């Protein structure tokens, strides 16, 4: 029985690079907002990448929509990592309502 190994890639700012390495994540790519979309597209085509973690501030600056990145076929899961106090104080209920609404195709209310 063969076990397939896949990578978790973190796209980070230079300030947080070593934090992710201390957590044990080996594939940390330092990037700015320029070229971030191309980098994510390239990583999504690599067969050995399972998850792509992007710092929220980088994704926001580059105008990336994580919801649309995950819609396009099979491939690695792209998700956001909160990297500032402001994003940690945001309402998770609103985030997940938006996420669920995009998956099922209509607005949810709770």
PDB file of N, CA and C in Angstrom:
ATOM      1  N   UNK A   1       0.842  -1.166   0.000  1.00  0.00           N
ATOM      2  CA  UNK A   1       0.000   0.000   0.000  1.00  0.00           C
ATOM      3  C   UNK A   1       0.891   1.233   0.000  1.00  0.00           C
ATOM      4  N   UNK A   2       0.644   2.121  -0.939  1.00  0.00           N
ATOM      5  CA  UNK A   2       1.448   3.340  -1.005  1.00  0.00           C
ATOM      6  C   UNK A   2       0.682   4.497  -0.372  1.00  0.00           C
ATOM      7  N   UNK A   3       1.416   5.320   0.319  1.00  0.00           N
ATOM      8  CA  UNK A   3       0.830   6.491   0.965  1.00  0.00           C
ATOM      9  C   UNK A   3       1.257   7.716   0.183  1.00  0.00           C
ATOM     10  N   UNK A   4       0.277   8.485  -0.233  1.00  0.00           N
ATOM     11  CA  UNK A   4       0.561   9.685  -1.009  1.00  0.00           C
ATOM     12  C   UNK A   4       0.772  10.864  -0.065  1.00  0.00           C
ATOM     13  N   UNK A   5       1.830  11.591  -0.288  1.00  0.00           N
ATOM     14  CA  UNK A   5       2.142  12.738   0.559  1.00  0.00           C
ATOM     15  C   UNK A   5       1.833  14.025  -0.199  1.00  0.00           C
ATOM     16  N   UNK A   6       1.167  14.933   0.470  1.00  0.00           N
ATOM     17  CA  UNK A   6       0.836  16.225  -0.138  1.00  0.00           C
ATOM     18  C   UNK A   6       1.308  17.348   0.761  1.00  0.00           C
ATOM     19  N   UNK A   7       1.508  18.506   0.164  1.00  0.00           N
ATOM     20  CA  UNK A   7       2.063  19.651   0.893  1.00  0.00           C
ATOM     21  C   UNK A   7       0.987  20.644   1.309  1.00  0.00           C
ATOM     22  N   UNK A   8       1.300  21.361   2.385  1.00  0.00           N
ATOM     23  CA  UNK A   8       0.544  22.537   2.794  1.00  0.00           C
ATOM     24  C   UNK A   8       1.466  23.720   2.532  1.00  0.00           C
ATOM     25  N   UNK A   9       1.024  24.665   1.718  1.00  0.00           N
ATOM     26  CA  UNK A   9       1.837  25.824   1.369  1.00  0.00           C
ATOM     27  C   UNK A   9       1.226  27.065   2.011  1.00  0.00           C
ATOM     28  N   UNK A  10       2.072  27.855   2.664  1.00  0.00           N
ATOM     29  CA  UNK A  10       1.636  29.107   3.280  1.00  0.00           C
ATOM     30  C   UNK A  10       2.187  30.265   2.460  1.00  0.00           C
ATOM     31  N   UNK A  11       1.322  31.193   2.088  1.00  0.00           N
ATOM     32  CA  UNK A  11       1.766  32.421   1.431  1.00  0.00           C
ATOM     33  C   UNK A  11       1.689  33.510   2.489  1.00  0.00           C
ATOM     34  N   UNK A  12       2.854  34.041   2.820  1.00  0.00           N
ATOM     35  CA  UNK A  12       2.986  34.893   3.995  1.00  0.00           C
ATOM     36  C   UNK A  12       3.731  36.179   3.684  1.00  0.00           C
ATOM     37  N   UNK A  13       3.572  37.142   4.576  1.00  0.00           N
ATOM     38  CA  UNK A  13       4.408  38.340   4.523  1.00  0.00           C
ATOM     39  C   UNK A  13       5.749  38.004   5.176  1.00  0.00           C
ATOM     40  N   UNK A  14       6.743  38.805   4.907  1.00  0.00           N
ATOM     41  CA  UNK A  14       8.070  38.558   5.468  1.00  0.00           C
ATOM     42  C   UNK A  14       8.044  38.569   7.003  1.00  0.00           C
ATOM     43  N   UNK A  15       7.199  39.429   7.596  1.00  0.00           N
ATOM     44  CA  UNK A  15       7.150  39.550   9.058  1.00  0.00           C
ATOM     45  C   UNK A  15       6.689  38.265   9.736  1.00  0.00           C
ATOM     46  N   UNK A  16       5.866  37.476   9.067  1.00  0.00           N
ATOM     47  CA  UNK A  16       5.298  36.282   9.694  1.00  0.00           C
ATOM     48  C   UNK A  16       5.925  34.979   9.207  1.00  0.00           C
ATOM     49  N   UNK A  17       6.893  35.056   8.331  1.00  0.00           N
ATOM     50  CA  UNK A  17       7.495  33.860   7.736  1.00  0.00           C
ATOM     51  C   UNK A  17       7.984  32.868   8.795  1.00  0.00           C
ATOM     52  N   UNK A  18       8.732  33.340   9.768  1.00  0.00           N
ATOM     53  CA  UNK A  18       9.327  32.432  10.747  1.00  0.00           C
ATOM     54  C   UNK A  18       8.295  31.887  11.728  1.00  0.00           C
ATOM     55  N   UNK A  19       7.213  32.607  11.935  1.00  0.00           N
ATOM     56  CA  UNK A  19       6.128  32.113  12.779  1.00  0.00           C
ATOM     57  C   UNK A  19       5.578  30.805  12.210  1.00  0.00           C
ATOM     58  N   UNK A  20       5.305  30.774  10.914  1.00  0.00           N
ATOM     59  CA  UNK A  20       4.771  29.567  10.286  1.00  0.00           C
ATOM     60  C   UNK A  20       5.794  28.439  10.311  1.00  0.00           C
ATOM     61  N   UNK A  21       7.055  28.777  10.139  1.00  0.00           N
ATOM     62  CA  UNK A  21       8.095  27.748  10.204  1.00  0.00           C
ATOM     63  C   UNK A  21       8.212  27.175  11.612  1.00  0.00           C
ATOM     64  N   UNK A  22       8.055  28.027  12.629  1.00  0.00           N
ATOM     65  CA  UNK A  22       8.060  27.539  14.011  1.00  0.00           C
ATOM     66  C   UNK A  22       6.884  26.602  14.276  1.00  0.00           C
ATOM     67  N   UNK A  23       5.778  26.824  13.592  1.00  0.00           N
ATOM     68  CA  UNK A  23       4.618  25.940  13.730  1.00  0.00           C
ATOM     69  C   UNK A  23       4.831  24.598  13.028  1.00  0.00           C
ATOM     70  N   UNK A  24       5.915  24.485  12.264  1.00  0.00           N
ATOM     71  CA  UNK A  24       6.220  23.235  11.586  1.00  0.00           C
ATOM     72  C   UNK A  24       5.820  23.187  10.128  1.00  0.00           C
ATOM     73  N   UNK A  25       5.344  24.297   9.591  1.00  0.00           N
ATOM     74  CA  UNK A  25       4.991  24.342   8.172  1.00  0.00           C
ATOM     75  C   UNK A  25       6.258  24.613   7.369  1.00  0.00           C
ATOM     76  N   UNK A  26       6.612  23.681   6.509  1.00  0.00           N
ATOM     77  CA  UNK A  26       7.892  23.764   5.800  1.00  0.00           C
ATOM     78  C   UNK A  26       7.839  24.643   4.555  1.00  0.00           C
ATOM     79  N   UNK A  27       6.719  24.608   3.844  1.00  0.00           N
ATOM     80  CA  UNK A  27       6.605  25.356   2.589  1.00  0.00           C
ATOM     81  C   UNK A  27       5.979  26.720   2.837  1.00  0.00           C
ATOM     82  N   UNK A  28       6.828  27.696   3.139  1.00  0.00           N
ATOM     83  CA  UNK A  28       6.368  29.062   3.372  1.00  0.00           C
ATOM     84  C   UNK A  28       6.917  29.927   2.248  1.00  0.00           C
ATOM     85  N   UNK A  29       6.020  30.535   1.486  1.00  0.00           N
ATOM     86  CA  UNK A  29       6.405  31.394   0.374  1.00  0.00           C
ATOM     87  C   UNK A  29       6.137  32.834   0.789  1.00  0.00           C
ATOM     88  N   UNK A  30       7.169  33.660   0.738  1.00  0.00           N
ATOM     89  CA  UNK A  30       7.008  35.080   1.059  1.00  0.00           C
ATOM     90  C   UNK A  30       6.594  35.796  -0.218  1.00  0.00           C
ATOM     91  N   UNK A  31       5.487  36.515  -0.135  1.00  0.00           N
ATOM     92  CA  UNK A  31       4.976  37.199  -1.322  1.00  0.00           C
ATOM     93  C   UNK A  31       4.361  38.526  -0.927  1.00  0.00           C
ATOM     94  N   UNK A  32       4.289  39.394  -1.905  1.00  0.00           N
ATOM     95  CA  UNK A  32       3.566  40.650  -1.754  1.00  0.00           C
ATOM     96  C   UNK A  32       2.294  40.556  -2.573  1.00  0.00           C
ATOM     97  N   UNK A  33       1.547  41.642  -2.621  1.00  0.00           N
ATOM     98  CA  UNK A  33       0.281  41.587  -3.360  1.00  0.00           C
ATOM     99  C   UNK A  33       0.501  41.490  -4.863  1.00  0.00           C
ATOM    100  N   UNK A  34       1.658  41.982  -5.338  1.00  0.00           N
ATOM    101  CA  UNK A  34       1.953  41.895  -6.765  1.00  0.00           C
ATOM    102  C   UNK A  34       2.248  40.437  -7.117  1.00  0.00           C
ATOM    103  N   UNK A  35       1.552  39.918  -8.067  1.00  0.00           N
ATOM    104  CA  UNK A  35       1.801  38.560  -8.532  1.00  0.00           C
ATOM    105  C   UNK A  35       1.204  37.476  -7.655  1.00  0.00           C
ATOM    106  N   UNK A  36       0.435  37.845  -6.645  1.00  0.00           N
ATOM    107  CA  UNK A  36      -0.145  36.848  -5.744  1.00  0.00           C
ATOM    108  C   UNK A  36      -1.142  35.955  -6.479  1.00  0.00           C
ATOM    109  N   UNK A  37      -1.944  36.544  -7.344  1.00  0.00           N
ATOM    110  CA  UNK A  37      -2.910  35.761  -8.112  1.00  0.00           C
ATOM    111  C   UNK A  37      -2.235  34.719  -8.983  1.00  0.00           C
ATOM    112  N   UNK A  38      -1.150  35.112  -9.643  1.00  0.00           N
ATOM    113  CA  UNK A  38      -0.403  34.175 -10.475  1.00  0.00           C
ATOM    114  C   UNK A  38       0.238  33.064  -9.663  1.00  0.00           C
ATOM    115  N   UNK A  39       0.747  33.418  -8.487  1.00  0.00           N
ATOM    116  CA  UNK A  39       1.361  32.426  -7.603  1.00  0.00           C
ATOM    117  C   UNK A  39       0.328  31.401  -7.143  1.00  0.00           C
ATOM    118  N   UNK A  40      -0.852  31.869  -6.763  1.00  0.00           N
ATOM    119  CA  UNK A  40      -1.914  30.957  -6.327  1.00  0.00           C
ATOM    120  C   UNK A  40      -2.337  30.060  -7.487  1.00  0.00           C
ATOM    121  N   UNK A  41      -2.480  30.624  -8.675  1.00  0.00           N
ATOM    122  CA  UNK A  41      -2.849  29.827  -9.853  1.00  0.00           C
ATOM    123  C   UNK A  41      -1.811  28.753 -10.134  1.00  0.00           C
ATOM    124  N   UNK A  42      -0.541  29.108 -10.013  1.00  0.00           N
ATOM    125  CA  UNK A  42       0.541  28.143 -10.239  1.00  0.00           C
ATOM    126  C   UNK A  42       0.492  27.024  -9.204  1.00  0.00           C
ATOM    127  N   UNK A  43       0.313  27.384  -7.931  1.00  0.00           N
ATOM    128  CA  UNK A  43       0.259  26.372  -6.872  1.00  0.00           C
ATOM    129  C   UNK A  43      -0.953  25.459  -7.029  1.00  0.00           C
ATOM    130  N   UNK A  44      -2.064  25.993  -7.525  1.00  0.00           N
ATOM    131  CA  UNK A  44      -3.268  25.173  -7.710  1.00  0.00           C
ATOM    132  C   UNK A  44      -3.080  24.099  -8.771  1.00  0.00           C
ATOM    133  N   UNK A  45      -2.127  24.288  -9.680  1.00  0.00           N
ATOM    134  CA  UNK A  45      -1.892  23.286 -10.720  1.00  0.00           C
ATOM    135  C   UNK A  45      -0.917  22.202 -10.281  1.00  0.00           C
ATOM    136  N   UNK A  46      -0.215  22.423  -9.179  1.00  0.00           N
ATOM    137  CA  UNK A  46       0.757  21.430  -8.709  1.00  0.00           C
ATOM    138  C   UNK A  46       0.030  20.278  -8.027  1.00  0.00           C
ATOM    139  N   UNK A  47       0.321  19.063  -8.474  1.00  0.00           N
ATOM    140  CA  UNK A  47      -0.384  17.870  -8.003  1.00  0.00           C
ATOM    141  C   UNK A  47      -0.101  17.534  -6.541  1.00  0.00           C
ATOM    142  N   UNK A  48       1.044  17.955  -6.014  1.00  0.00           N
ATOM    143  CA  UNK A  48       1.403  17.574  -4.644  1.00  0.00           C
ATOM    144  C   UNK A  48       0.988  18.604  -3.594  1.00  0.00           C
ATOM    145  N   UNK A  49       0.248  19.630  -3.981  1.00  0.00           N
ATOM    146  CA  UNK A  49      -0.219  20.650  -3.038  1.00  0.00           C
ATOM    147  C   UNK A  49      -1.664  20.322  -2.643  1.00  0.00           C
ATOM    148  N   UNK A  50      -1.907  20.186  -1.324  1.00  0.00           N
ATOM    149  CA  UNK A  50      -3.247  19.869  -0.827  1.00  0.00           C
ATOM    150  C   UNK A  50      -3.972  21.105  -0.304  1.00  0.00           C
ATOM    151  N   UNK A  51      -3.236  21.999   0.369  1.00  0.00           N
ATOM    152  CA  UNK A  51      -3.837  23.174   0.985  1.00  0.00           C
ATOM    153  C   UNK A  51      -2.943  24.381   0.744  1.00  0.00           C
ATOM    154  N   UNK A  52      -3.555  25.508   0.414  1.00  0.00           N
ATOM    155  CA  UNK A  52      -2.836  26.775   0.282  1.00  0.00           C
ATOM    156  C   UNK A  52      -3.420  27.735   1.312  1.00  0.00           C
ATOM    157  N   UNK A  53      -2.590  28.170   2.254  1.00  0.00           N
ATOM    158  CA  UNK A  53      -3.001  29.130   3.279  1.00  0.00           C
ATOM    159  C   UNK A  53      -2.468  30.500   2.882  1.00  0.00           C
ATOM    160  N   UNK A  54      -3.340  31.495   2.835  1.00  0.00           N
ATOM    161  CA  UNK A  54      -2.935  32.848   2.454  1.00  0.00           C
ATOM    162  C   UNK A  54      -3.278  33.787   3.597  1.00  0.00           C
ATOM    163  N   UNK A  55      -2.333  34.632   3.968  1.00  0.00           N
ATOM    164  CA  UNK A  55      -2.620  35.621   5.008  1.00  0.00           C
ATOM    165  C   UNK A  55      -3.720  36.556   4.516  1.00  0.00           C
ATOM    166  N   UNK A  56      -4.652  36.846   5.400  1.00  0.00           N
ATOM    167  CA  UNK A  56      -5.824  37.639   5.028  1.00  0.00           C
ATOM    168  C   UNK A  56      -5.455  39.015   4.489  1.00  0.00           C
ATOM    169  N   UNK A  57      -4.475  39.662   5.092  1.00  0.00           N
ATOM    170  CA  UNK A  57      -4.105  41.005   4.630  1.00  0.00           C
ATOM    171  C   UNK A  57      -3.545  40.966   3.209  1.00  0.00           C
ATOM    172  N   UNK A  58      -2.770  39.938   2.879  1.00  0.00           N
ATOM    173  CA  UNK A  58      -2.242  39.813   1.513  1.00  0.00           C
ATOM    174  C   UNK A  58      -3.373  39.583   0.515  1.00  0.00           C
ATOM    175  N   UNK A  59      -4.291  38.693   0.860  1.00  0.00           N
ATOM    176  CA  UNK A  59      -5.408  38.404  -0.043  1.00  0.00           C
ATOM    177  C   UNK A  59      -6.263  39.645  -0.262  1.00  0.00           C
ATOM    178  N   UNK A  60      -6.503  40.392   0.802  1.00  0.00           N
ATOM    179  CA  UNK A  60      -7.320  41.605   0.694  1.00  0.00           C
ATOM    180  C   UNK A  60      -6.622  42.636  -0.186  1.00  0.00           C
ATOM    181  N   UNK A  61      -5.317  42.851   0.038  1.00  0.00           N
ATOM    182  CA  UNK A  61      -4.563  43.832  -0.759  1.00  0.00           C
ATOM    183  C   UNK A  61      -4.537  43.463  -2.230  1.00  0.00           C
ATOM    184  N   UNK A  62      -4.453  42.157  -2.521  1.00  0.00           N
ATOM    185  CA  UNK A  62      -4.377  41.706  -3.909  1.00  0.00           C
ATOM    186  C   UNK A  62      -5.757  41.572  -4.550  1.00  0.00           C
ATOM    187  N   UNK A  63      -6.812  41.716  -3.748  1.00  0.00           N
ATOM    188  CA  UNK A  63      -8.162  41.598  -4.285  1.00  0.00           C
ATOM    189  C   UNK A  63      -8.568  40.173  -4.619  1.00  0.00           C
ATOM    190  N   UNK A  64      -7.977  39.194  -3.938  1.00  0.00           N
ATOM    191  CA  UNK A  64      -8.319  37.793  -4.193  1.00  0.00           C
ATOM    192  C   UNK A  64      -9.636  37.433  -3.518  1.00  0.00           C
ATOM    193  N   UNK A  65     -10.465  36.702  -4.230  1.00  0.00           N
ATOM    194  CA  UNK A  65     -11.710  36.188  -3.668  1.00  0.00           C
ATOM    195  C   UNK A  65     -11.539  34.687  -3.470  1.00  0.00           C
ATOM    196  N   UNK A  66     -11.348  34.284  -2.228  1.00  0.00           N
ATOM    197  CA  UNK A  66     -11.079  32.880  -1.921  1.00  0.00           C
ATOM    198  C   UNK A  66     -12.254  31.993  -2.311  1.00  0.00           C
ATOM    199  N   UNK A  67     -13.465  32.515  -2.186  1.00  0.00           N
ATOM    200  CA  UNK A  67     -14.636  31.725  -2.553  1.00  0.00           C
ATOM    201  C   UNK A  67     -14.563  31.303  -4.019  1.00  0.00           C
ATOM    202  N   UNK A  68     -14.213  32.229  -4.895  1.00  0.00           N
ATOM    203  CA  UNK A  68     -14.164  31.892  -6.319  1.00  0.00           C
ATOM    204  C   UNK A  68     -12.975  30.993  -6.638  1.00  0.00           C
ATOM    205  N   UNK A  69     -11.883  31.110  -5.896  1.00  0.00           N
ATOM    206  CA  UNK A  69     -10.730  30.237  -6.137  1.00  0.00           C
ATOM    207  C   UNK A  69     -11.059  28.782  -5.833  1.00  0.00           C
ATOM    208  N   UNK A  70     -11.913  28.551  -4.863  1.00  0.00           N
ATOM    209  CA  UNK A  70     -12.270  27.184  -4.492  1.00  0.00           C
ATOM    210  C   UNK A  70     -13.375  26.598  -5.359  1.00  0.00           C
ATOM    211  N   UNK A  71     -14.024  27.406  -6.177  1.00  0.00           N
ATOM    212  CA  UNK A  71     -15.107  26.923  -7.036  1.00  0.00           C
ATOM    213  C   UNK A  71     -14.601  26.180  -8.259  1.00  0.00           C
ATOM    214  N   UNK A  72     -13.422  26.479  -8.700  1.00  0.00           N
ATOM    215  CA  UNK A  72     -12.959  26.035 -10.003  1.00  0.00           C
ATOM    216  C   UNK A  72     -12.348  24.638  -9.960  1.00  0.00           C
ATOM    217  N   UNK A  73     -13.171  23.620  -9.974  1.00  0.00           N
ATOM    218  CA  UNK A  73     -12.727  22.246 -10.109  1.00  0.00           C
ATOM    219  C   UNK A  73     -11.975  21.694  -8.916  1.00  0.00           C
ATOM    220  N   UNK A  74     -11.407  20.522  -9.148  1.00  0.00           N
ATOM    221  CA  UNK A  74     -10.633  19.870  -8.104  1.00  0.00           C
ATOM    222  C   UNK A  74      -9.275  20.525  -7.982  1.00  0.00           C
ATOM    223  N   UNK A  75      -8.724  20.456  -6.836  1.00  0.00           N
ATOM    224  CA  UNK A  75      -7.412  21.043  -6.600  1.00  0.00           C
ATOM    225  C   UNK A  75      -7.254  21.345  -5.134  1.00  0.00           C
ATOM    226  N   UNK A  76      -6.201  22.023  -4.792  1.00  0.00           N
ATOM    227  CA  UNK A  76      -5.966  22.317  -3.380  1.00  0.00           C
ATOM    228  C   UNK A  76      -7.023  23.252  -2.797  1.00  0.00           C
ATOM    229  N   UNK A  77      -7.271  23.086  -1.520  1.00  0.00           N
ATOM    230  CA  UNK A  77      -8.156  23.985  -0.794  1.00  0.00           C
ATOM    231  C   UNK A  77      -7.399  25.275  -0.537  1.00  0.00           C
ATOM    232  N   UNK A  78      -7.997  26.395  -0.889  1.00  0.00           N
ATOM    233  CA  UNK A  78      -7.389  27.700  -0.635  1.00  0.00           C
ATOM    234  C   UNK A  78      -8.162  28.330   0.513  1.00  0.00           C
ATOM    235  N   UNK A  79      -7.445  28.735   1.557  1.00  0.00           N
ATOM    236  CA  UNK A  79      -8.110  29.337   2.698  1.00  0.00           C
ATOM    237  C   UNK A  79      -7.304  30.504   3.244  1.00  0.00           C
ATOM    238  N   UNK A  80      -7.963  31.304   4.055  1.00  0.00           N
ATOM    239  CA  UNK A  80      -7.377  32.526   4.594  1.00  0.00           C
ATOM    240  C   UNK A  80      -6.948  32.295   6.039  1.00  0.00           C
ATOM    241  N   UNK A  81      -5.819  32.891   6.408  1.00  0.00           N
ATOM    242  CA  UNK A  81      -5.341  32.869   7.787  1.00  0.00           C
ATOM    243  C   UNK A  81      -5.401  34.303   8.304  1.00  0.00           C
ATOM    244  N   UNK A  82      -6.124  34.512   9.388  1.00  0.00           N
ATOM    245  CA  UNK A  82      -6.203  35.853   9.986  1.00  0.00           C
ATOM    246  C   UNK A  82      -4.826  36.240  10.506  1.00  0.00           C
ATOM    247  N   UNK A  83      -4.400  37.441  10.167  1.00  0.00           N
ATOM    248  CA  UNK A  83      -3.056  37.858  10.574  1.00  0.00           C
ATOM    249  C   UNK A  83      -3.028  39.235  11.223  1.00  0.00           C
ATOM    250  N   UNK A  84      -4.182  39.742  11.605  1.00  0.00           N
ATOM    251  CA  UNK A  84      -4.211  41.037  12.283  1.00  0.00           C
ATOM    252  C   UNK A  84      -5.324  41.035  13.321  1.00  0.00           C
ATOM    253  N   UNK A  85      -5.218  41.935  14.267  1.00  0.00           N
ATOM    254  CA  UNK A  85      -6.226  42.016  15.320  1.00  0.00           C
ATOM    255  C   UNK A  85      -7.592  42.371  14.742  1.00  0.00           C
ATOM    256  N   UNK A  86      -7.613  43.218  13.735  1.00  0.00           N
ATOM    257  CA  UNK A  86      -8.880  43.621  13.117  1.00  0.00           C
ATOM    258  C   UNK A  86      -9.595  42.411  12.529  1.00  0.00           C
ATOM    259  N   UNK A  87      -8.866  41.556  11.814  1.00  0.00           N
ATOM    260  CA  UNK A  87      -9.518  40.397  11.209  1.00  0.00           C
ATOM    261  C   UNK A  87      -9.942  39.381  12.257  1.00  0.00           C
ATOM    262  N   UNK A  88      -9.227  39.319  13.371  1.00  0.00           N
ATOM    263  CA  UNK A  88      -9.617  38.397  14.436  1.00  0.00           C
ATOM    264  C   UNK A  88     -10.875  38.864  15.156  1.00  0.00           C
ATOM    265  N   UNK A  89     -11.156  40.160  15.090  1.00  0.00           N
ATOM    266  CA  UNK A  89     -12.354  40.695  15.728  1.00  0.00           C
ATOM    267  C   UNK A  89     -13.567  40.678  14.803  1.00  0.00           C
ATOM    268  N   UNK A  90     -13.391  40.248  13.556  1.00  0.00           N
ATOM    269  CA  UNK A  90     -14.514  40.230  12.620  1.00  0.00           C
ATOM    270  C   UNK A  90     -15.520  39.149  13.034  1.00  0.00           C
ATOM    271  N   UNK A  91     -16.727  39.290  12.535  1.00  0.00           N
ATOM    272  CA  UNK A  91     -17.821  38.405  12.909  1.00  0.00           C
ATOM    273  C   UNK A  91     -17.758  37.094  12.122  1.00  0.00           C
ATOM    274  N   UNK A  92     -17.440  35.968  12.768  1.00  0.00           N
ATOM    275  CA  UNK A  92     -17.365  34.699  12.037  1.00  0.00           C
ATOM    276  C   UNK A  92     -18.722  34.253  11.494  1.00  0.00           C
ATOM    277  N   UNK A  93     -19.800  34.639  12.170  1.00  0.00           N
ATOM    278  CA  UNK A  93     -21.138  34.267  11.709  1.00  0.00           C
ATOM    279  C   UNK A  93     -21.400  34.852  10.319  1.00  0.00           C
ATOM    280  N   UNK A  94     -21.064  36.116  10.125  1.00  0.00           N
ATOM    281  CA  UNK A  94     -21.261  36.759   8.822  1.00  0.00           C
ATOM    282  C   UNK A  94     -20.410  36.091   7.748  1.00  0.00           C
ATOM    283  N   UNK A  95     -19.182  35.732   8.096  1.00  0.00           N
ATOM    284  CA  UNK A  95     -18.283  35.070   7.141  1.00  0.00           C
ATOM    285  C   UNK A  95     -18.887  33.744   6.677  1.00  0.00           C
ATOM    286  N   UNK A  96     -19.316  32.919   7.622  1.00  0.00           N
ATOM    287  CA  UNK A  96     -19.830  31.603   7.256  1.00  0.00           C
ATOM    288  C   UNK A  96     -21.197  31.673   6.581  1.00  0.00           C
ATOM    289  N   UNK A  97     -21.999  32.678   6.903  1.00  0.00           N
ATOM    290  CA  UNK A  97     -23.252  32.869   6.171  1.00  0.00           C
ATOM    291  C   UNK A  97     -22.972  33.199   4.709  1.00  0.00           C
ATOM    292  N   UNK A  98     -21.989  34.058   4.476  1.00  0.00           N
ATOM    293  CA  UNK A  98     -21.609  34.398   3.099  1.00  0.00           C
ATOM    294  C   UNK A  98     -21.063  33.165   2.385  1.00  0.00           C
ATOM    295  N   UNK A  99     -20.220  32.403   3.073  1.00  0.00           N
ATOM    296  CA  UNK A  99     -19.624  31.193   2.503  1.00  0.00           C
ATOM    297  C   UNK A  99     -20.716  30.187   2.120  1.00  0.00           C
ATOM    298  N   UNK A 100     -21.637  29.909   3.027  1.00  0.00           N
ATOM    299  CA  UNK A 100     -22.717  28.961   2.760  1.00  0.00           C
ATOM    300  C   UNK A 100     -23.622  29.463   1.640  1.00  0.00           C
ATOM    301  N   UNK A 101     -23.889  30.764   1.612  1.00  0.00           N
ATOM    302  CA  UNK A 101     -24.732  31.336   0.562  1.00  0.00           C
ATOM    303  C   UNK A 101     -24.117  31.141  -0.810  1.00  0.00           C
ATOM    304  N   UNK A 102     -22.800  31.278  -0.899  1.00  0.00           N
ATOM    305  CA  UNK A 102     -22.146  31.099  -2.197  1.00  0.00           C
ATOM    306  C   UNK A 102     -22.158  29.640  -2.624  1.00  0.00           C
ATOM    307  N   UNK A 103     -22.092  28.729  -1.678  1.00  0.00           N
ATOM    308  CA  UNK A 103     -22.097  27.309  -2.027  1.00  0.00           C
ATOM    309  C   UNK A 103     -23.481  26.867  -2.505  1.00  0.00           C
ATOM    310  N   UNK A 104     -24.523  27.251  -1.764  1.00  0.00           N
ATOM    311  CA  UNK A 104     -25.858  26.764  -2.117  1.00  0.00           C
ATOM    312  C   UNK A 104     -26.597  27.661  -3.098  1.00  0.00           C
ATOM    313  N   UNK A 105     -26.097  28.875  -3.299  1.00  0.00           N
ATOM    314  CA  UNK A 105     -26.649  29.722  -4.349  1.00  0.00           C
ATOM    315  C   UNK A 105     -27.738  30.688  -3.935  1.00  0.00           C
ATOM    316  N   UNK A 106     -28.067  30.766  -2.668  1.00  0.00           N
ATOM    317  CA  UNK A 106     -29.030  31.779  -2.240  1.00  0.00           C
ATOM    318  C   UNK A 106     -28.705  32.253  -0.832  1.00  0.00           C
ATOM    319  N   UNK A 107     -29.223  33.424  -0.505  1.00  0.00           N
ATOM    320  CA  UNK A 107     -28.939  34.091   0.772  1.00  0.00           C
ATOM    321  C   UNK A 107     -29.547  33.332   1.943  1.00  0.00           C
ATOM    322  N   UNK A 108     -28.769  33.207   2.999  1.00  0.00           N
ATOM    323  CA  UNK A 108     -29.254  32.583   4.229  1.00  0.00           C
ATOM    324  C   UNK A 108     -29.486  33.653   5.279  1.00  0.00           C
ATOM    325  N   UNK A 109     -30.422  33.426   6.135  1.00  0.00           N
ATOM    326  CA  UNK A 109     -30.653  34.332   7.251  1.00  0.00           C
ATOM    327  C   UNK A 109     -30.806  33.532   8.529  1.00  0.00           C
ATOM    328  N   UNK A 110     -30.226  34.042   9.589  1.00  0.00           N
ATOM    329  CA  UNK A 110     -30.326  33.342  10.876  1.00  0.00           C
ATOM    330  C   UNK A 110     -30.807  34.318  11.923  1.00  0.00           C
TER     331      UNK A 110
END
